[in-house]
Amino acid sequence: MDERRPATPRILALEVGDAVRLRRAHPCGGSVWRVTRIGADVGIACTTCGRRVMLERRELERRVVAVERSASGRPPEDPRP
């Protein structure tokens, strides 16, 4: 007998600072977003207009087309004093 297990959901490995390209463009015309927060909800910011939104991880994983890793591998420095 061939027992088939349900497919385990694949979790997208994201880090703060990564750039993600989504399926549909934002109304400003940008389709690349920077990851600002990780958790059950993921915070992303549009690289074109700066708009910040929170999406459920499952919803974000469904919309992502490509992930571009941050060059440093670390979150960017906070420019605020």
Protein backbone atom coordinates (compact mmCIF):
# COMPACT_ATOMS: atom_id res chain seq x y z
CA MET A 1 0.00 0.00 0.00
CA ASP A 2 1.20 3.43 -0.89
CA GLU A 3 0.38 5.73 1.99
CA ARG A 4 0.33 9.32 0.86
CA ARG A 5 0.90 12.00 3.43
CA PRO A 6 -0.57 15.42 2.94
CA ALA A 7 2.02 17.82 1.56
CA THR A 8 3.63 19.85 4.29
CA PRO A 9 3.20 23.56 3.66
CA ARG A 10 6.38 25.17 2.38
CA ILE A 11 7.32 28.18 4.46
CA LEU A 12 8.97 31.01 2.58
CA ALA A 13 12.26 31.93 4.27
CA LEU A 14 12.25 35.71 4.63
CA GLU A 15 14.50 38.08 6.52
CA VAL A 16 14.06 41.73 7.40
CA GLY A 17 15.57 43.77 4.56
CA ASP A 18 14.77 41.29 1.79
CA ALA A 19 13.05 42.61 -1.33
CA VAL A 20 10.02 40.71 -2.62
CA ARG A 21 8.36 41.08 -6.01
CA LEU A 22 4.59 40.59 -5.91
CA ARG A 23 2.24 39.40 -8.67
CA ARG A 24 0.32 42.62 -9.05
CA ALA A 25 1.74 46.13 -9.02
CA HIS A 26 0.85 48.63 -6.31
CA PRO A 27 -1.34 51.55 -7.52
CA CYS A 28 1.79 53.76 -7.50
CA GLY A 29 3.29 51.46 -10.15
CA GLY A 30 5.84 49.66 -7.96
CA SER A 31 5.89 45.89 -7.61
CA VAL A 32 8.95 45.53 -5.36
CA TRP A 33 8.47 45.65 -1.59
CA ARG A 34 11.02 45.62 1.28
CA VAL A 35 10.34 43.30 4.25
CA THR A 36 10.20 45.36 7.46
CA ARG A 37 8.76 42.89 9.99
CA ILE A 38 8.57 39.10 10.29
CA GLY A 39 6.04 37.05 12.23
CA ALA A 40 2.59 35.57 11.70
CA ASP A 41 1.95 38.84 9.88
CA VAL A 42 4.67 40.23 7.63
CA GLY A 43 5.27 43.96 7.30
CA ILE A 44 6.30 45.20 3.86
CA ALA A 45 7.03 48.67 2.47
CA CYS A 46 6.71 49.70 -1.18
CA THR A 47 10.13 50.71 -2.52
CA THR A 48 8.52 53.22 -4.90
CA CYS A 49 6.19 55.26 -2.68
CA GLY A 50 7.07 54.06 0.85
CA ARG A 51 3.56 52.80 1.71
CA ARG A 52 3.68 50.23 4.53
CA VAL A 53 1.22 47.35 4.86
CA MET A 54 0.87 44.20 6.93
CA LEU A 55 -0.13 40.92 5.30
CA GLU A 56 -0.77 37.51 6.80
CA ARG A 57 2.20 35.27 6.02
CA ARG A 58 0.00 32.85 4.08
CA GLU A 59 -1.37 35.68 1.90
CA LEU A 60 2.11 37.09 1.24
CA GLU A 61 3.47 33.66 0.31
CA ARG A 62 0.65 33.27 -2.18
CA ARG A 63 1.40 36.66 -3.82
CA VAL A 64 5.21 36.49 -3.98
CA VAL A 65 6.83 35.87 -7.36
CA ALA A 66 10.49 36.37 -6.42
CA VAL A 67 12.63 37.06 -3.34
CA GLU A 68 15.86 39.06 -3.56
CA ARG A 69 18.08 38.71 -0.51
CA SER A 70 19.49 41.82 1.14
CA ALA A 71 23.17 42.31 0.33
CA SER A 72 24.35 42.47 3.94
CA GLY A 73 22.12 39.74 5.30
CA ARG A 74 21.30 42.07 8.20
CA PRO A 75 18.46 44.53 8.63
CA PRO A 76 19.29 48.03 7.43
CA GLU A 77 20.29 50.62 10.01
CA ASP A 78 17.50 52.82 11.31
CA PRO A 79 18.15 56.31 9.88
CA ARG A 80 16.35 58.01 12.79
CA PRO A 81 18.56 59.51 15.52
